[in-house]
Amino acid sequence: MNFWETLWSIVVFFLFLSYLILLFQIVGDIFRDQTQKGWVKAAWIFFLLVLPLLTALVYLIVRGEGMAQRQVNAVQTAQHEAETYIREVARPLSPAEQIAAAKALLDEGTIDANEFVALKAKALA
């Protein structure tokens, strides 16, 4: 294999990988879009399977602008949900909530009275 064949193989591999990434982006956008009906989504997928290069080009021309906005909205939604979850989980319990949790453990028999008193004292400290 000479230099030019190796270079050509690298270029072809790069273009093929870029094309696959583009197809995955398009399919993800098709299913992410809430404004399209199911049969329209099915038609896009069908044409992506039958005429993939032409359909990808048409999709980018027709729906490319909204594609970026839908991606930004999806990222912002995921980030907001993650931040909400972290705030909810990381919120420290108030002393009353700690004592109530310890009382529930005492009532279930998970801890004994001495452990309950120690947890109560720790919560009130």
PDB file of N, CA and C in Angstrom:
ATOM      1  N   MET A   1       0.843  -1.171   0.000  1.00  0.00           N
ATOM      2  CA  MET A   1       0.000   0.000   0.000  1.00  0.00           C
ATOM      3  C   MET A   1       0.892   1.238   0.000  1.00  0.00           C
ATOM      4  N   ASN A   2       0.685   2.105  -0.932  1.00  0.00           N
ATOM      5  CA  ASN A   2       1.514   3.305  -0.982  1.00  0.00           C
ATOM      6  C   ASN A   2       0.881   4.446  -0.195  1.00  0.00           C
ATOM      7  N   PHE A   3       1.545   5.564  -0.194  1.00  0.00           N
ATOM      8  CA  PHE A   3       1.118   6.714   0.598  1.00  0.00           C
ATOM      9  C   PHE A   3      -0.258   7.215   0.179  1.00  0.00           C
ATOM     10  N   TRP A   4      -0.522   7.318  -1.120  1.00  0.00           N
ATOM     11  CA  TRP A   4      -1.778   7.886  -1.603  1.00  0.00           C
ATOM     12  C   TRP A   4      -2.968   6.983  -1.291  1.00  0.00           C
ATOM     13  N   GLU A   5      -2.757   5.672  -1.353  1.00  0.00           N
ATOM     14  CA  GLU A   5      -3.842   4.754  -0.993  1.00  0.00           C
ATOM     15  C   GLU A   5      -4.168   4.865   0.499  1.00  0.00           C
ATOM     16  N   THR A   6      -3.140   5.000   1.316  1.00  0.00           N
ATOM     17  CA  THR A   6      -3.348   5.164   2.752  1.00  0.00           C
ATOM     18  C   THR A   6      -4.067   6.475   3.053  1.00  0.00           C
ATOM     19  N   LEU A   7      -3.630   7.533   2.413  1.00  0.00           N
ATOM     20  CA  LEU A   7      -4.277   8.830   2.599  1.00  0.00           C
ATOM     21  C   LEU A   7      -5.738   8.784   2.147  1.00  0.00           C
ATOM     22  N   TRP A   8      -5.991   8.164   1.010  1.00  0.00           N
ATOM     23  CA  TRP A   8      -7.356   8.046   0.503  1.00  0.00           C
ATOM     24  C   TRP A   8      -8.222   7.227   1.468  1.00  0.00           C
ATOM     25  N   SER A   9      -7.665   6.159   2.031  1.00  0.00           N
ATOM     26  CA  SER A   9      -8.409   5.341   2.995  1.00  0.00           C
ATOM     27  C   SER A   9      -8.770   6.152   4.235  1.00  0.00           C
ATOM     28  N   ILE A  10      -7.847   6.981   4.695  1.00  0.00           N
ATOM     29  CA  ILE A  10      -8.117   7.825   5.862  1.00  0.00           C
ATOM     30  C   ILE A  10      -9.221   8.827   5.549  1.00  0.00           C
ATOM     31  N   VAL A  11      -9.181   9.432   4.369  1.00  0.00           N
ATOM     32  CA  VAL A  11     -10.205  10.408   3.974  1.00  0.00           C
ATOM     33  C   VAL A  11     -11.568   9.735   3.878  1.00  0.00           C
ATOM     34  N   VAL A  12     -11.621   8.562   3.244  1.00  0.00           N
ATOM     35  CA  VAL A  12     -12.895   7.843   3.101  1.00  0.00           C
ATOM     36  C   VAL A  12     -13.436   7.453   4.471  1.00  0.00           C
ATOM     37  N   PHE A  13     -12.577   6.963   5.359  1.00  0.00           N
ATOM     38  CA  PHE A  13     -13.019   6.591   6.701  1.00  0.00           C
ATOM     39  C   PHE A  13     -13.560   7.810   7.449  1.00  0.00           C
ATOM     40  N   PHE A  14     -12.876   8.948   7.345  1.00  0.00           N
ATOM     41  CA  PHE A  14     -13.328  10.175   7.996  1.00  0.00           C
ATOM     42  C   PHE A  14     -14.693  10.600   7.468  1.00  0.00           C
ATOM     43  N   LEU A  15     -14.875  10.570   6.153  1.00  0.00           N
ATOM     44  CA  LEU A  15     -16.162  10.968   5.568  1.00  0.00           C
ATOM     45  C   LEU A  15     -17.275  10.009   5.969  1.00  0.00           C
ATOM     46  N   PHE A  16     -16.976   8.715   5.996  1.00  0.00           N
ATOM     47  CA  PHE A  16     -17.975   7.732   6.399  1.00  0.00           C
ATOM     48  C   PHE A  16     -18.373   7.937   7.853  1.00  0.00           C
ATOM     49  N   LEU A  17     -17.397   8.168   8.730  1.00  0.00           N
ATOM     50  CA  LEU A  17     -17.689   8.400  10.135  1.00  0.00           C
ATOM     51  C   LEU A  17     -18.502   9.688  10.317  1.00  0.00           C
ATOM     52  N   SER A  18     -18.170  10.721   9.573  1.00  0.00           N
ATOM     53  CA  SER A  18     -18.932  11.977   9.628  1.00  0.00           C
ATOM     54  C   SER A  18     -20.370  11.759   9.177  1.00  0.00           C
ATOM     55  N   TYR A  19     -20.544  10.969   8.132  1.00  0.00           N
ATOM     56  CA  TYR A  19     -21.875  10.673   7.623  1.00  0.00           C
ATOM     57  C   TYR A  19     -22.694   9.901   8.659  1.00  0.00           C
ATOM     58  N   LEU A  20     -22.073   8.924   9.333  1.00  0.00           N
ATOM     59  CA  LEU A  20     -22.797   8.174  10.364  1.00  0.00           C
ATOM     60  C   LEU A  20     -23.210   9.074  11.522  1.00  0.00           C
ATOM     61  N   ILE A  21     -22.327   9.965  11.924  1.00  0.00           N
ATOM     62  CA  ILE A  21     -22.661  10.906  12.998  1.00  0.00           C
ATOM     63  C   ILE A  21     -23.833  11.783  12.573  1.00  0.00           C
ATOM     64  N   LEU A  22     -23.816  12.240  11.334  1.00  0.00           N
ATOM     65  CA  LEU A  22     -24.913  13.060  10.811  1.00  0.00           C
ATOM     66  C   LEU A  22     -26.227  12.284  10.825  1.00  0.00           C
ATOM     67  N   LEU A  23     -26.200  11.025  10.399  1.00  0.00           N
ATOM     68  CA  LEU A  23     -27.421  10.223  10.405  1.00  0.00           C
ATOM     69  C   LEU A  23     -27.972  10.039  11.818  1.00  0.00           C
ATOM     70  N   PHE A  24     -27.087   9.782  12.780  1.00  0.00           N
ATOM     71  CA  PHE A  24     -27.547   9.635  14.161  1.00  0.00           C
ATOM     72  C   PHE A  24     -28.134  10.945  14.690  1.00  0.00           C
ATOM     73  N   GLN A  25     -27.542  12.063  14.327  1.00  0.00           N
ATOM     74  CA  GLN A  25     -28.085  13.364  14.729  1.00  0.00           C
ATOM     75  C   GLN A  25     -29.475  13.572  14.126  1.00  0.00           C
ATOM     76  N   ILE A  26     -29.638  13.221  12.872  1.00  0.00           N
ATOM     77  CA  ILE A  26     -30.929  13.405  12.201  1.00  0.00           C
ATOM     78  C   ILE A  26     -31.988  12.503  12.824  1.00  0.00           C
ATOM     79  N   VAL A  27     -31.650  11.235  13.050  1.00  0.00           N
ATOM     80  CA  VAL A  27     -32.625  10.313  13.646  1.00  0.00           C
ATOM     81  C   VAL A  27     -32.992  10.783  15.054  1.00  0.00           C
ATOM     82  N   GLY A  28     -32.014  11.218  15.828  1.00  0.00           N
ATOM     83  CA  GLY A  28     -32.312  11.752  17.159  1.00  0.00           C
ATOM     84  C   GLY A  28     -33.212  12.964  17.099  1.00  0.00           C
ATOM     85  N   ASP A  29     -32.969  13.838  16.123  1.00  0.00           N
ATOM     86  CA  ASP A  29     -33.800  15.029  15.976  1.00  0.00           C
ATOM     87  C   ASP A  29     -35.216  14.668  15.543  1.00  0.00           C
ATOM     88  N   ILE A  30     -35.348  13.684  14.688  1.00  0.00           N
ATOM     89  CA  ILE A  30     -36.678  13.254  14.244  1.00  0.00           C
ATOM     90  C   ILE A  30     -37.509  12.823  15.446  1.00  0.00           C
ATOM     91  N   PHE A  31     -36.927  12.021  16.318  1.00  0.00           N
ATOM     92  CA  PHE A  31     -37.684  11.528  17.464  1.00  0.00           C
ATOM     93  C   PHE A  31     -37.807  12.559  18.572  1.00  0.00           C
ATOM     94  N   ARG A  32     -36.922  13.559  18.612  1.00  0.00           N
ATOM     95  CA  ARG A  32     -36.985  14.604  19.629  1.00  0.00           C
ATOM     96  C   ARG A  32     -38.062  15.637  19.309  1.00  0.00           C
ATOM     97  N   ASP A  33     -38.373  15.809  18.030  1.00  0.00           N
ATOM     98  CA  ASP A  33     -39.298  16.855  17.599  1.00  0.00           C
ATOM     99  C   ASP A  33     -40.728  16.486  17.977  1.00  0.00           C
ATOM    100  N   GLN A  34     -41.352  17.310  18.799  1.00  0.00           N
ATOM    101  CA  GLN A  34     -42.720  17.062  19.249  1.00  0.00           C
ATOM    102  C   GLN A  34     -43.768  17.632  18.300  1.00  0.00           C
ATOM    103  N   THR A  35     -43.353  18.446  17.322  1.00  0.00           N
ATOM    104  CA  THR A  35     -44.320  19.075  16.427  1.00  0.00           C
ATOM    105  C   THR A  35     -44.702  18.179  15.261  1.00  0.00           C
ATOM    106  N   GLN A  36     -43.885  17.173  14.969  1.00  0.00           N
ATOM    107  CA  GLN A  36     -44.186  16.284  13.848  1.00  0.00           C
ATOM    108  C   GLN A  36     -45.087  15.144  14.286  1.00  0.00           C
ATOM    109  N   LYS A  37     -45.953  14.741  13.380  1.00  0.00           N
ATOM    110  CA  LYS A  37     -46.826  13.596  13.626  1.00  0.00           C
ATOM    111  C   LYS A  37     -46.032  12.312  13.417  1.00  0.00           C
ATOM    112  N   GLY A  38     -46.572  11.212  13.903  1.00  0.00           N
ATOM    113  CA  GLY A  38     -45.889   9.924  13.817  1.00  0.00           C
ATOM    114  C   GLY A  38     -45.655   9.457  12.393  1.00  0.00           C
ATOM    115  N   TRP A  39     -46.626   9.689  11.515  1.00  0.00           N
ATOM    116  CA  TRP A  39     -46.453   9.212  10.137  1.00  0.00           C
ATOM    117  C   TRP A  39     -45.390  10.027   9.405  1.00  0.00           C
ATOM    118  N   VAL A  40     -45.228  11.291   9.769  1.00  0.00           N
ATOM    119  CA  VAL A  40     -44.180  12.114   9.158  1.00  0.00           C
ATOM    120  C   VAL A  40     -42.809  11.606   9.612  1.00  0.00           C
ATOM    121  N   LYS A  41     -42.706  11.270  10.889  1.00  0.00           N
ATOM    122  CA  LYS A  41     -41.455  10.713  11.398  1.00  0.00           C
ATOM    123  C   LYS A  41     -41.135   9.394  10.705  1.00  0.00           C
ATOM    124  N   ALA A  42     -42.158   8.564  10.539  1.00  0.00           N
ATOM    125  CA  ALA A  42     -41.956   7.281   9.860  1.00  0.00           C
ATOM    126  C   ALA A  42     -41.517   7.494   8.412  1.00  0.00           C
ATOM    127  N   ALA A  43     -42.069   8.495   7.750  1.00  0.00           N
ATOM    128  CA  ALA A  43     -41.674   8.782   6.368  1.00  0.00           C
ATOM    129  C   ALA A  43     -40.214   9.225   6.293  1.00  0.00           C
ATOM    130  N   TRP A  44     -39.791  10.093   7.216  1.00  0.00           N
ATOM    131  CA  TRP A  44     -38.390  10.517   7.237  1.00  0.00           C
ATOM    132  C   TRP A  44     -37.467   9.317   7.436  1.00  0.00           C
ATOM    133  N   ILE A  45     -37.807   8.451   8.376  1.00  0.00           N
ATOM    134  CA  ILE A  45     -36.979   7.262   8.633  1.00  0.00           C
ATOM    135  C   ILE A  45     -36.953   6.356   7.413  1.00  0.00           C
ATOM    136  N   PHE A  46     -38.114   6.152   6.781  1.00  0.00           N
ATOM    137  CA  PHE A  46     -38.177   5.304   5.585  1.00  0.00           C
ATOM    138  C   PHE A  46     -37.260   5.848   4.497  1.00  0.00           C
ATOM    139  N   PHE A  47     -37.356   7.144   4.240  1.00  0.00           N
ATOM    140  CA  PHE A  47     -36.524   7.718   3.184  1.00  0.00           C
ATOM    141  C   PHE A  47     -35.045   7.752   3.575  1.00  0.00           C
ATOM    142  N   LEU A  48     -34.758   7.859   4.867  1.00  0.00           N
ATOM    143  CA  LEU A  48     -33.359   7.764   5.299  1.00  0.00           C
ATOM    144  C   LEU A  48     -32.787   6.371   5.039  1.00  0.00           C
ATOM    145  N   LEU A  49     -33.644   5.360   5.113  1.00  0.00           N
ATOM    146  CA  LEU A  49     -33.191   4.003   4.820  1.00  0.00           C
ATOM    147  C   LEU A  49     -33.089   3.744   3.319  1.00  0.00           C
ATOM    148  N   VAL A  50     -34.008   4.320   2.527  1.00  0.00           N
ATOM    149  CA  VAL A  50     -34.043   4.056   1.093  1.00  0.00           C
ATOM    150  C   VAL A  50     -33.038   4.937   0.337  1.00  0.00           C
ATOM    151  N   LEU A  51     -33.089   6.234   0.568  1.00  0.00           N
ATOM    152  CA  LEU A  51     -32.192   7.192  -0.093  1.00  0.00           C
ATOM    153  C   LEU A  51     -31.471   8.013   0.975  1.00  0.00           C
ATOM    154  N   PRO A  52     -30.503   7.437   1.660  1.00  0.00           N
ATOM    155  CA  PRO A  52     -29.951   8.110   2.840  1.00  0.00           C
ATOM    156  C   PRO A  52     -29.246   9.435   2.551  1.00  0.00           C
ATOM    157  N   LEU A  53     -28.431   9.513   1.535  1.00  0.00           N
ATOM    158  CA  LEU A  53     -27.678  10.737   1.296  1.00  0.00           C
ATOM    159  C   LEU A  53     -28.590  11.885   0.865  1.00  0.00           C
ATOM    160  N   LEU A  54     -29.479  11.615  -0.066  1.00  0.00           N
ATOM    161  CA  LEU A  54     -30.405  12.640  -0.543  1.00  0.00           C
ATOM    162  C   LEU A  54     -31.350  13.098   0.568  1.00  0.00           C
ATOM    163  N   THR A  55     -31.869  12.138   1.330  1.00  0.00           N
ATOM    164  CA  THR A  55     -32.790  12.480   2.417  1.00  0.00           C
ATOM    165  C   THR A  55     -32.095  13.294   3.501  1.00  0.00           C
ATOM    166  N   ALA A  56     -30.859  12.934   3.822  1.00  0.00           N
ATOM    167  CA  ALA A  56     -30.113  13.689   4.832  1.00  0.00           C
ATOM    168  C   ALA A  56     -29.899  15.118   4.365  1.00  0.00           C
ATOM    169  N   LEU A  57     -29.566  15.284   3.119  1.00  0.00           N
ATOM    170  CA  LEU A  57     -29.359  16.627   2.573  1.00  0.00           C
ATOM    171  C   LEU A  57     -30.657  17.436   2.610  1.00  0.00           C
ATOM    172  N   VAL A  58     -31.761  16.825   2.191  1.00  0.00           N
ATOM    173  CA  VAL A  58     -33.058  17.512   2.210  1.00  0.00           C
ATOM    174  C   VAL A  58     -33.460  17.854   3.647  1.00  0.00           C
ATOM    175  N   TYR A  59     -33.246  16.920   4.568  1.00  0.00           N
ATOM    176  CA  TYR A  59     -33.613  17.170   5.964  1.00  0.00           C
ATOM    177  C   TYR A  59     -32.829  18.353   6.524  1.00  0.00           C
ATOM    178  N   LEU A  60     -31.543  18.413   6.232  1.00  0.00           N
ATOM    179  CA  LEU A  60     -30.732  19.519   6.737  1.00  0.00           C
ATOM    180  C   LEU A  60     -31.161  20.853   6.151  1.00  0.00           C
ATOM    181  N   ILE A  61     -31.577  20.850   4.887  1.00  0.00           N
ATOM    182  CA  ILE A  61     -32.025  22.089   4.260  1.00  0.00           C
ATOM    183  C   ILE A  61     -33.376  22.525   4.839  1.00  0.00           C
ATOM    184  N   VAL A  62     -34.301  21.569   4.945  1.00  0.00           N
ATOM    185  CA  VAL A  62     -35.666  21.895   5.357  1.00  0.00           C
ATOM    186  C   VAL A  62     -35.769  22.137   6.866  1.00  0.00           C
ATOM    187  N   ARG A  63     -35.127  21.296   7.671  1.00  0.00           N
ATOM    188  CA  ARG A  63     -35.343  21.342   9.116  1.00  0.00           C
ATOM    189  C   ARG A  63     -34.074  21.631   9.903  1.00  0.00           C
ATOM    190  N   GLY A  64     -33.000  22.022   9.249  1.00  0.00           N
ATOM    191  CA  GLY A  64     -31.716  22.219   9.914  1.00  0.00           C
ATOM    192  C   GLY A  64     -31.713  23.303  10.965  1.00  0.00           C
ATOM    193  N   GLU A  65     -32.404  24.392  10.723  1.00  0.00           N
ATOM    194  CA  GLU A  65     -32.414  25.496  11.676  1.00  0.00           C
ATOM    195  C   GLU A  65     -33.084  25.095  12.987  1.00  0.00           C
ATOM    196  N   GLY A  66     -34.211  24.428  12.887  1.00  0.00           N
ATOM    197  CA  GLY A  66     -34.913  23.973  14.091  1.00  0.00           C
ATOM    198  C   GLY A  66     -34.176  22.857  14.803  1.00  0.00           C
ATOM    199  N   MET A  67     -33.347  22.148  14.061  1.00  0.00           N
ATOM    200  CA  MET A  67     -32.582  21.045  14.626  1.00  0.00           C
ATOM    201  C   MET A  67     -31.655  21.546  15.736  1.00  0.00           C
ATOM    202  N   ALA A  68     -30.976  22.637  15.491  1.00  0.00           N
ATOM    203  CA  ALA A  68     -30.075  23.209  16.495  1.00  0.00           C
ATOM    204  C   ALA A  68     -30.854  23.696  17.709  1.00  0.00           C
ATOM    205  N   GLN A  69     -31.989  24.323  17.496  1.00  0.00           N
ATOM    206  CA  GLN A  69     -32.790  24.839  18.609  1.00  0.00           C
ATOM    207  C   GLN A  69     -33.337  23.697  19.469  1.00  0.00           C
ATOM    208  N   ARG A  70     -33.769  22.612  18.835  1.00  0.00           N
ATOM    209  CA  ARG A  70     -34.266  21.461  19.604  1.00  0.00           C
ATOM    210  C   ARG A  70     -33.147  20.834  20.427  1.00  0.00           C
ATOM    211  N   GLN A  71     -31.936  20.800  19.880  1.00  0.00           N
ATOM    212  CA  GLN A  71     -30.798  20.262  20.629  1.00  0.00           C
ATOM    213  C   GLN A  71     -30.484  21.138  21.841  1.00  0.00           C
ATOM    214  N   VAL A  72     -30.495  22.440  21.655  1.00  0.00           N
ATOM    215  CA  VAL A  72     -30.242  23.370  22.765  1.00  0.00           C
ATOM    216  C   VAL A  72     -31.314  23.209  23.836  1.00  0.00           C
ATOM    217  N   ASN A  73     -32.571  23.113  23.443  1.00  0.00           N
ATOM    218  CA  ASN A  73     -33.664  22.935  24.405  1.00  0.00           C
ATOM    219  C   ASN A  73     -33.509  21.629  25.178  1.00  0.00           C
ATOM    220  N   ALA A  74     -33.117  20.554  24.496  1.00  0.00           N
ATOM    221  CA  ALA A  74     -32.943  19.261  25.165  1.00  0.00           C
ATOM    222  C   ALA A  74     -31.812  19.331  26.181  1.00  0.00           C
ATOM    223  N   VAL A  75     -30.719  19.987  25.834  1.00  0.00           N
ATOM    224  CA  VAL A  75     -29.590  20.117  26.758  1.00  0.00           C
ATOM    225  C   VAL A  75     -29.981  20.968  27.954  1.00  0.00           C
ATOM    226  N   GLN A  76     -30.688  22.074  27.719  1.00  0.00           N
ATOM    227  CA  GLN A  76     -31.102  22.936  28.827  1.00  0.00           C
ATOM    228  C   GLN A  76     -32.068  22.214  29.759  1.00  0.00           C
ATOM    229  N   THR A  77     -32.983  21.441  29.207  1.00  0.00           N
ATOM    230  CA  THR A  77     -33.929  20.681  30.020  1.00  0.00           C
ATOM    231  C   THR A  77     -33.198  19.652  30.867  1.00  0.00           C
ATOM    232  N   ALA A  78     -32.261  18.929  30.266  1.00  0.00           N
ATOM    233  CA  ALA A  78     -31.497  17.924  31.010  1.00  0.00           C
ATOM    234  C   ALA A  78     -30.673  18.569  32.116  1.00  0.00           C
ATOM    235  N   GLN A  79     -30.080  19.712  31.826  1.00  0.00           N
ATOM    236  CA  GLN A  79     -29.279  20.414  32.833  1.00  0.00           C
ATOM    237  C   GLN A  79     -30.164  20.896  33.980  1.00  0.00           C
ATOM    238  N   HIS A  80     -31.328  21.440  33.667  1.00  0.00           N
ATOM    239  CA  HIS A  80     -32.251  21.914  34.713  1.00  0.00           C
ATOM    240  C   HIS A  80     -32.710  20.753  35.588  1.00  0.00           C
ATOM    241  N   GLU A  81     -33.047  19.625  34.976  1.00  0.00           N
ATOM    242  CA  GLU A  81     -33.489  18.466  35.750  1.00  0.00           C
ATOM    243  C   GLU A  81     -32.373  17.944  36.649  1.00  0.00           C
ATOM    244  N   ALA A  82     -31.145  17.927  36.142  1.00  0.00           N
ATOM    245  CA  ALA A  82     -30.015  17.471  36.949  1.00  0.00           C
ATOM    246  C   ALA A  82     -29.777  18.411  38.128  1.00  0.00           C
ATOM    247  N   GLU A  83     -29.827  19.714  37.892  1.00  0.00           N
ATOM    248  CA  GLU A  83     -29.625  20.678  38.976  1.00  0.00           C
ATOM    249  C   GLU A  83     -30.731  20.572  40.019  1.00  0.00           C
ATOM    250  N   THR A  84     -31.960  20.385  39.576  1.00  0.00           N
ATOM    251  CA  THR A  84     -33.079  20.227  40.508  1.00  0.00           C
ATOM    252  C   THR A  84     -32.894  18.986  41.364  1.00  0.00           C
ATOM    253  N   TYR A  85     -32.486  17.895  40.745  1.00  0.00           N
ATOM    254  CA  TYR A  85     -32.271  16.649  41.472  1.00  0.00           C
ATOM    255  C   TYR A  85     -31.148  16.811  42.489  1.00  0.00           C
ATOM    256  N   ILE A  86     -30.066  17.458  42.088  1.00  0.00           N
ATOM    257  CA  ILE A  86     -28.940  17.641  43.005  1.00  0.00           C
ATOM    258  C   ILE A  86     -29.341  18.500  44.192  1.00  0.00           C
ATOM    259  N   ARG A  87     -30.082  19.583  43.942  1.00  0.00           N
ATOM    260  CA  ARG A  87     -30.546  20.432  45.048  1.00  0.00           C
ATOM    261  C   ARG A  87     -31.458  19.661  45.994  1.00  0.00           C
ATOM    262  N   GLU A  88     -32.299  18.820  45.423  1.00  0.00           N
ATOM    263  CA  GLU A  88     -33.255  18.062  46.215  1.00  0.00           C
ATOM    264  C   GLU A  88     -32.540  17.026  47.085  1.00  0.00           C
ATOM    265  N   VAL A  89     -31.553  16.355  46.520  1.00  0.00           N
ATOM    266  CA  VAL A  89     -30.854  15.303  47.245  1.00  0.00           C
ATOM    267  C   VAL A  89     -29.852  15.874  48.242  1.00  0.00           C
ATOM    268  N   ALA A  90     -29.187  16.959  47.879  1.00  0.00           N
ATOM    269  CA  ALA A  90     -28.138  17.513  48.721  1.00  0.00           C
ATOM    270  C   ALA A  90     -28.663  18.415  49.828  1.00  0.00           C
ATOM    271  N   ARG A  91     -29.950  18.679  49.848  1.00  0.00           N
ATOM    272  CA  ARG A  91     -30.523  19.565  50.861  1.00  0.00           C
ATOM    273  C   ARG A  91     -30.360  18.927  52.237  1.00  0.00           C
ATOM    274  N   PRO A  92     -29.755  19.651  53.178  1.00  0.00           N
ATOM    275  CA  PRO A  92     -29.597  19.081  54.517  1.00  0.00           C
ATOM    276  C   PRO A  92     -30.956  19.009  55.228  1.00  0.00           C
ATOM    277  N   LEU A  93     -31.108  17.972  56.004  1.00  0.00           N
ATOM    278  CA  LEU A  93     -32.351  17.800  56.754  1.00  0.00           C
ATOM    279  C   LEU A  93     -32.349  18.731  57.967  1.00  0.00           C
ATOM    280  N   SER A  94     -33.500  19.264  58.274  1.00  0.00           N
ATOM    281  CA  SER A  94     -33.624  20.096  59.468  1.00  0.00           C
ATOM    282  C   SER A  94     -33.574  19.183  60.699  1.00  0.00           C
ATOM    283  N   PRO A  95     -33.316  19.750  61.873  1.00  0.00           N
ATOM    284  CA  PRO A  95     -33.288  18.911  63.087  1.00  0.00           C
ATOM    285  C   PRO A  95     -34.609  18.160  63.308  1.00  0.00           C
ATOM    286  N   ALA A  96     -35.726  18.807  63.002  1.00  0.00           N
ATOM    287  CA  ALA A  96     -37.011  18.132  63.179  1.00  0.00           C
ATOM    288  C   ALA A  96     -37.139  16.940  62.233  1.00  0.00           C
ATOM    289  N   GLU A  97     -36.667  17.094  61.005  1.00  0.00           N
ATOM    290  CA  GLU A  97     -36.727  15.982  60.053  1.00  0.00           C
ATOM    291  C   GLU A  97     -35.788  14.854  60.463  1.00  0.00           C
ATOM    292  N   GLN A  98     -34.613  15.202  61.020  1.00  0.00           N
ATOM    293  CA  GLN A  98     -33.682  14.178  61.486  1.00  0.00           C
ATOM    294  C   GLN A  98     -34.283  13.394  62.656  1.00  0.00           C
ATOM    295  N   ILE A  99     -34.910  14.095  63.564  1.00  0.00           N
ATOM    296  CA  ILE A  99     -35.535  13.425  64.715  1.00  0.00           C
ATOM    297  C   ILE A  99     -36.700  12.561  64.256  1.00  0.00           C
ATOM    298  N   ALA A 100     -37.489  13.060  63.301  1.00  0.00           N
ATOM    299  CA  ALA A 100     -38.614  12.265  62.782  1.00  0.00           C
ATOM    300  C   ALA A 100     -38.109  11.002  62.091  1.00  0.00           C
ATOM    301  N   ALA A 101     -37.009  11.108  61.341  1.00  0.00           N
ATOM    302  CA  ALA A 101     -36.443   9.930  60.688  1.00  0.00           C
ATOM    303  C   ALA A 101     -35.928   8.933  61.721  1.00  0.00           C
ATOM    304  N   ALA A 102     -35.285   9.448  62.774  1.00  0.00           N
ATOM    305  CA  ALA A 102     -34.793   8.567  63.834  1.00  0.00           C
ATOM    306  C   ALA A 102     -35.954   7.900  64.568  1.00  0.00           C
ATOM    307  N   LYS A 103     -37.044   8.637  64.801  1.00  0.00           N
ATOM    308  CA  LYS A 103     -38.227   8.072  65.471  1.00  0.00           C
ATOM    309  C   LYS A 103     -38.841   6.969  64.613  1.00  0.00           C
ATOM    310  N   ALA A 104     -38.860   7.179  63.294  1.00  0.00           N
ATOM    311  CA  ALA A 104     -39.390   6.141  62.405  1.00  0.00           C
ATOM    312  C   ALA A 104     -38.534   4.881  62.482  1.00  0.00           C
ATOM    313  N   LEU A 105     -37.214   5.064  62.560  1.00  0.00           N
ATOM    314  CA  LEU A 105     -36.330   3.905  62.704  1.00  0.00           C
ATOM    315  C   LEU A 105     -36.550   3.207  64.044  1.00  0.00           C
ATOM    316  N   LEU A 106     -36.792   3.984  65.094  1.00  0.00           N
ATOM    317  CA  LEU A 106     -37.065   3.404  66.409  1.00  0.00           C
ATOM    318  C   LEU A 106     -38.372   2.624  66.384  1.00  0.00           C
ATOM    319  N   ASP A 107     -39.400   3.190  65.754  1.00  0.00           N
ATOM    320  CA  ASP A 107     -40.703   2.519  65.676  1.00  0.00           C
ATOM    321  C   ASP A 107     -40.624   1.228  64.872  1.00  0.00           C
ATOM    322  N   GLU A 108     -39.764   1.203  63.847  1.00  0.00           N
ATOM    323  CA  GLU A 108     -39.618  -0.008  63.036  1.00  0.00           C
ATOM    324  C   GLU A 108     -38.768  -1.056  63.734  1.00  0.00           C
ATOM    325  N   GLY A 109     -38.071  -0.654  64.767  1.00  0.00           N
ATOM    326  CA  GLY A 109     -37.218  -1.593  65.485  1.00  0.00           C
ATOM    327  C   GLY A 109     -35.827  -1.704  64.892  1.00  0.00           C
ATOM    328  N   THR A 110     -35.483  -0.806  63.998  1.00  0.00           N
ATOM    329  CA  THR A 110     -34.168  -0.836  63.379  1.00  0.00           C
ATOM    330  C   THR A 110     -33.094  -0.387  64.355  1.00  0.00           C
ATOM    331  N   ILE A 111     -33.429   0.593  65.194  1.00  0.00           N
ATOM    332  CA  ILE A 111     -32.496   1.067  66.213  1.00  0.00           C
ATOM    333  C   ILE A 111     -33.158   0.925  67.580  1.00  0.00           C
ATOM    334  N   ASP A 112     -32.322   0.934  68.624  1.00  0.00           N
ATOM    335  CA  ASP A 112     -32.891   0.850  69.968  1.00  0.00           C
ATOM    336  C   ASP A 112     -32.994   2.257  70.579  1.00  0.00           C
ATOM    337  N   ALA A 113     -33.457   2.336  71.806  1.00  0.00           N
ATOM    338  CA  ALA A 113     -33.716   3.631  72.461  1.00  0.00           C
ATOM    339  C   ALA A 113     -32.430   4.427  72.673  1.00  0.00           C
ATOM    340  N   ASN A 114     -31.331   3.737  72.997  1.00  0.00           N
ATOM    341  CA  ASN A 114     -30.063   4.441  73.215  1.00  0.00           C
ATOM    342  C   ASN A 114     -29.587   5.107  71.920  1.00  0.00           C
ATOM    343  N   GLU A 115     -29.714   4.403  70.796  1.00  0.00           N
ATOM    344  CA  GLU A 115     -29.311   4.967  69.510  1.00  0.00           C
ATOM    345  C   GLU A 115     -30.219   6.142  69.134  1.00  0.00           C
ATOM    346  N   PHE A 116     -31.515   6.024  69.459  1.00  0.00           N
ATOM    347  CA  PHE A 116     -32.434   7.122  69.186  1.00  0.00           C
ATOM    348  C   PHE A 116     -32.048   8.366  69.971  1.00  0.00           C
ATOM    349  N   VAL A 117     -31.704   8.195  71.234  1.00  0.00           N
ATOM    350  CA  VAL A 117     -31.306   9.332  72.055  1.00  0.00           C
ATOM    351  C   VAL A 117     -30.031   9.964  71.486  1.00  0.00           C
ATOM    352  N   ALA A 118     -29.086   9.139  71.041  1.00  0.00           N
ATOM    353  CA  ALA A 118     -27.842   9.662  70.489  1.00  0.00           C
ATOM    354  C   ALA A 118     -28.114  10.443  69.196  1.00  0.00           C
ATOM    355  N   LEU A 119     -28.982   9.920  68.344  1.00  0.00           N
ATOM    356  CA  LEU A 119     -29.335  10.631  67.100  1.00  0.00           C
ATOM    357  C   LEU A 119     -30.074  11.923  67.398  1.00  0.00           C
ATOM    358  N   LYS A 120     -30.933  11.901  68.382  1.00  0.00           N
ATOM    359  CA  LYS A 120     -31.682  13.102  68.751  1.00  0.00           C
ATOM    360  C   LYS A 120     -30.730  14.179  69.275  1.00  0.00           C
ATOM    361  N   ALA A 121     -29.780  13.771  70.112  1.00  0.00           N
ATOM    362  CA  ALA A 121     -28.809  14.721  70.652  1.00  0.00           C
ATOM    363  C   ALA A 121     -27.939  15.292  69.530  1.00  0.00           C
ATOM    364  N   LYS A 122     -27.577  14.455  68.614  1.00  0.00           N
ATOM    365  CA  LYS A 122     -26.755  14.920  67.469  1.00  0.00           C
ATOM    366  C   LYS A 122     -27.537  15.915  66.620  1.00  0.00           C
ATOM    367  N   ALA A 123     -28.813  15.668  66.394  1.00  0.00           N
ATOM    368  CA  ALA A 123     -29.646  16.566  65.597  1.00  0.00           C
ATOM    369  C   ALA A 123     -29.837  17.908  66.280  1.00  0.00           C
ATOM    370  N   LEU A 124     -29.954  17.907  67.580  1.00  0.00           N
ATOM    371  CA  LEU A 124     -30.176  19.133  68.330  1.00  0.00           C
ATOM    372  C   LEU A 124     -28.896  19.904  68.602  1.00  0.00           C
ATOM    373  N   ALA A 125     -27.738  19.274  68.371  1.00  0.00           N
ATOM    374  CA  ALA A 125     -26.442  19.933  68.641  1.00  0.00           C
ATOM    375  C   ALA A 125     -26.106  20.975  67.608  1.00  0.00           C
TER     376      ALA A 125
END
